[in-house]
């Protein structure tokens, strides 16, 4: 039995708190599954765009700091087949949201970059998200907002670490 499992078994308060977090996560997943923020941003900037297009933009945004973004990197980030990623990127190039261009490091390689329209769409997603969060915490104290922000970031970082470790274990066992 892991130390964490033993702690949960020995402490009813922690067990109840963890259960409460799990229930809240389920409620949040159901709400975010509707993708309200993305839908609002799409309607404001590029009506008719699909939510999967926003996922591609997010993958590009996250990958850019690491260097040039390829369709393969997008496929990996989204955990989809490279041919599917290529089709979605092509649709987005056709809508002037993404641009394909030759790599500066290796002209034989094609990279993907956001156009000004793609950047505007990402800015709108961020603005919608911040507006919704601001509305949610409008009646919270500054200390509560700061504490929640810190704890939520710590929680998500821990979630990512546990997920990555478990995926590594699965890969090693497979």
Protein backbone atom coordinates (compact mmCIF):
# COMPACT_ATOMS: atom_id res chain seq x y z
CA UNK A 1 0.00 0.00 0.00
CA UNK A 2 1.39 3.41 -0.96
CA UNK A 3 1.99 6.11 1.60
CA UNK A 4 -0.76 8.19 -0.02
CA UNK A 5 -3.29 5.35 0.17
CA UNK A 6 -2.36 4.73 3.82
CA UNK A 7 -2.85 8.44 4.60
CA UNK A 8 -6.31 8.35 3.01
CA UNK A 9 -7.23 5.19 4.91
CA UNK A 10 -6.15 6.69 8.24
CA UNK A 11 -7.70 10.13 7.90
CA UNK A 12 -11.46 10.44 7.36
CA UNK A 13 -11.19 14.22 6.84
CA UNK A 14 -8.66 13.81 4.03
CA UNK A 15 -10.69 11.00 2.48
CA UNK A 16 -13.84 13.16 2.54
CA UNK A 17 -11.91 16.11 1.10
CA UNK A 18 -10.49 13.99 -1.71
CA UNK A 19 -13.98 12.65 -2.45
CA UNK A 20 -15.33 16.22 -2.56
CA UNK A 21 -12.56 17.24 -4.97
CA UNK A 22 -13.41 14.25 -7.17
CA UNK A 23 -17.09 15.19 -7.25
CA UNK A 24 -16.23 18.81 -8.08
CA UNK A 25 -13.91 17.65 -10.86
CA UNK A 26 -16.75 15.60 -12.36
CA UNK A 27 -19.05 18.63 -12.33
CA UNK A 28 -16.33 20.79 -13.89
CA UNK A 29 -15.63 18.17 -16.59
CA UNK A 30 -19.31 18.14 -17.54
CA UNK A 31 -19.39 21.93 -17.78
CA UNK A 32 -16.12 22.26 -19.69
CA UNK A 33 -17.15 19.36 -21.91
CA UNK A 34 -19.71 21.71 -23.40
CA UNK A 35 -16.80 23.98 -24.40
CA UNK A 36 -18.73 27.18 -23.72
CA UNK A 37 -15.65 29.43 -23.83
CA UNK A 38 -14.51 28.07 -27.18
CA UNK A 39 -17.99 28.31 -28.65
CA UNK A 40 -18.31 31.96 -27.56
CA UNK A 41 -14.91 32.83 -29.04
CA UNK A 42 -15.70 31.11 -32.33
CA UNK A 43 -19.02 32.92 -32.67
CA UNK A 44 -17.28 36.27 -32.02
CA UNK A 45 -14.40 35.82 -34.46
CA UNK A 46 -14.90 33.01 -37.01
CA UNK A 47 -18.46 31.64 -37.05
CA UNK A 48 -18.67 28.10 -38.39
CA UNK A 49 -15.27 27.05 -37.09
CA UNK A 50 -15.13 23.72 -35.26
CA UNK A 51 -13.95 23.27 -31.68
CA UNK A 52 -11.21 20.91 -32.90
CA UNK A 53 -9.71 23.91 -34.69
CA UNK A 54 -9.28 25.63 -31.33
CA UNK A 55 -7.50 22.52 -30.07
CA UNK A 56 -5.05 22.82 -32.96
CA UNK A 57 -4.44 26.50 -32.18
CA UNK A 58 -3.82 25.63 -28.55
CA UNK A 59 -1.38 22.90 -29.60
CA UNK A 60 0.47 25.42 -31.80
CA UNK A 61 0.54 28.00 -29.00
CA UNK A 62 1.94 25.49 -26.51
CA UNK A 63 4.54 24.10 -28.92
CA UNK A 64 5.87 27.44 -30.22
CA UNK A 65 8.17 28.17 -27.26
CA UNK A 66 9.98 24.86 -27.92
CA UNK A 67 10.76 25.84 -31.50
CA UNK A 68 9.12 25.44 -34.86
CA UNK A 69 5.77 23.65 -34.93
CA UNK A 70 5.15 20.82 -37.37
CA UNK A 71 1.98 18.91 -38.17
CA UNK A 72 3.59 15.93 -36.42
CA UNK A 73 4.03 17.99 -33.23
CA UNK A 74 0.38 19.04 -33.42
CA UNK A 75 -0.73 15.42 -33.88
CA UNK A 76 1.37 14.33 -30.91
CA UNK A 77 0.10 17.14 -28.68
CA UNK A 78 -3.51 16.33 -29.56
CA UNK A 79 -2.95 12.56 -29.51
CA UNK A 80 -4.45 12.15 -32.98
CA UNK A 81 -3.29 10.48 -36.16
CA UNK A 82 -0.88 12.65 -38.21
CA UNK A 83 -3.14 12.37 -41.27
CA UNK A 84 -6.07 13.77 -39.24
CA UNK A 85 -3.86 16.60 -37.96
CA UNK A 86 -2.78 17.35 -41.53
CA UNK A 87 -6.40 17.56 -42.71
CA UNK A 88 -7.36 19.92 -39.87
CA UNK A 89 -4.30 22.10 -40.48
CA UNK A 90 -5.18 22.24 -44.19
CA UNK A 91 -8.71 23.40 -43.32
CA UNK A 92 -7.27 26.08 -41.07
CA UNK A 93 -4.79 27.21 -43.72
CA UNK A 94 -7.75 27.50 -46.09
CA UNK A 95 -9.53 29.73 -43.57
CA UNK A 96 -6.43 31.92 -43.07
CA UNK A 97 -6.08 30.88 -39.42
CA UNK A 98 -2.79 29.02 -39.89
CA UNK A 99 -0.01 29.38 -42.41
CA UNK A 100 2.39 26.73 -43.68
CA UNK A 101 5.91 27.89 -44.42
CA UNK A 102 9.42 26.54 -44.86
CA UNK A 103 11.42 26.00 -41.70
CA UNK A 104 14.16 28.53 -41.05
CA UNK A 105 16.35 25.73 -39.70
CA UNK A 106 15.74 23.27 -42.57
CA UNK A 107 14.02 24.53 -45.72
CA UNK A 108 12.94 20.97 -46.58
CA UNK A 109 10.70 20.90 -43.53
CA UNK A 110 7.29 22.63 -43.37
CA UNK A 111 6.21 24.37 -40.20
CA UNK A 112 2.89 25.80 -39.08
CA UNK A 113 2.38 29.30 -37.66
CA UNK A 114 -0.66 31.28 -36.58
CA UNK A 115 -1.86 34.08 -38.82
CA UNK A 116 -3.09 37.37 -37.32
CA UNK A 117 -6.63 35.90 -37.49
CA UNK A 118 -5.46 32.83 -35.54
CA UNK A 119 -3.80 35.07 -32.96
CA UNK A 120 -6.98 37.15 -32.70
CA UNK A 121 -9.02 34.00 -32.14
CA UNK A 122 -6.66 32.85 -29.36
CA UNK A 123 -6.88 36.32 -27.78
CA UNK A 124 -10.67 36.09 -27.87
CA UNK A 125 -10.60 32.65 -26.21
CA UNK A 126 -8.37 34.08 -23.47
CA UNK A 127 -10.60 37.15 -23.04
CA UNK A 128 -13.74 34.97 -22.79
CA UNK A 129 -12.04 32.69 -20.27
CA UNK A 130 -10.84 35.60 -18.10
CA UNK A 131 -14.26 37.26 -18.25
CA UNK A 132 -15.98 34.09 -17.05
CA UNK A 133 -13.44 33.49 -14.28
CA UNK A 134 -13.70 37.15 -13.21
CA UNK A 135 -17.47 36.83 -13.00
CA UNK A 136 -17.18 33.65 -10.93
CA UNK A 137 -14.80 35.18 -8.38
CA UNK A 138 -16.34 38.68 -8.38
CA UNK A 139 -17.60 38.35 -4.82
CA UNK A 140 -14.49 36.57 -3.49
CA UNK A 141 -11.92 38.41 -1.40
CA UNK A 142 -8.55 39.17 -2.97
CA UNK A 143 -6.95 36.71 -0.55
CA UNK A 144 -9.38 33.96 -1.58
CA UNK A 145 -8.68 34.57 -5.27
CA UNK A 146 -4.93 34.51 -4.68
CA UNK A 147 -5.10 31.40 -2.48
CA UNK A 148 -7.34 29.53 -4.91
CA UNK A 149 -5.06 30.46 -7.82
CA UNK A 150 -2.03 29.16 -5.97
CA UNK A 151 -3.72 25.96 -4.78
CA UNK A 152 -5.36 25.27 -8.13
CA UNK A 153 -2.03 25.66 -9.94
CA UNK A 154 -0.41 23.34 -7.41
CA UNK A 155 -3.22 20.83 -7.91
CA UNK A 156 -3.00 20.91 -11.71
CA UNK A 157 0.81 20.62 -11.58
CA UNK A 158 0.46 17.58 -9.32
CA UNK A 159 -2.18 16.12 -11.63
CA UNK A 160 0.16 16.54 -14.62
CA UNK A 161 3.05 14.94 -12.73
CA UNK A 162 0.99 11.92 -11.65
CA UNK A 163 -0.44 11.53 -15.16
CA UNK A 164 3.00 11.71 -16.79
CA UNK A 165 4.44 9.19 -14.32
CA UNK A 166 1.58 6.77 -14.91
CA UNK A 167 1.82 7.14 -18.68
CA UNK A 168 5.56 6.42 -18.41
CA UNK A 169 4.80 3.31 -16.35
CA UNK A 170 2.24 2.15 -18.93
CA UNK A 171 4.73 2.72 -21.77
CA UNK A 172 7.43 0.76 -19.92
CA UNK A 173 5.06 -2.12 -19.17
CA UNK A 174 3.68 -2.22 -22.73
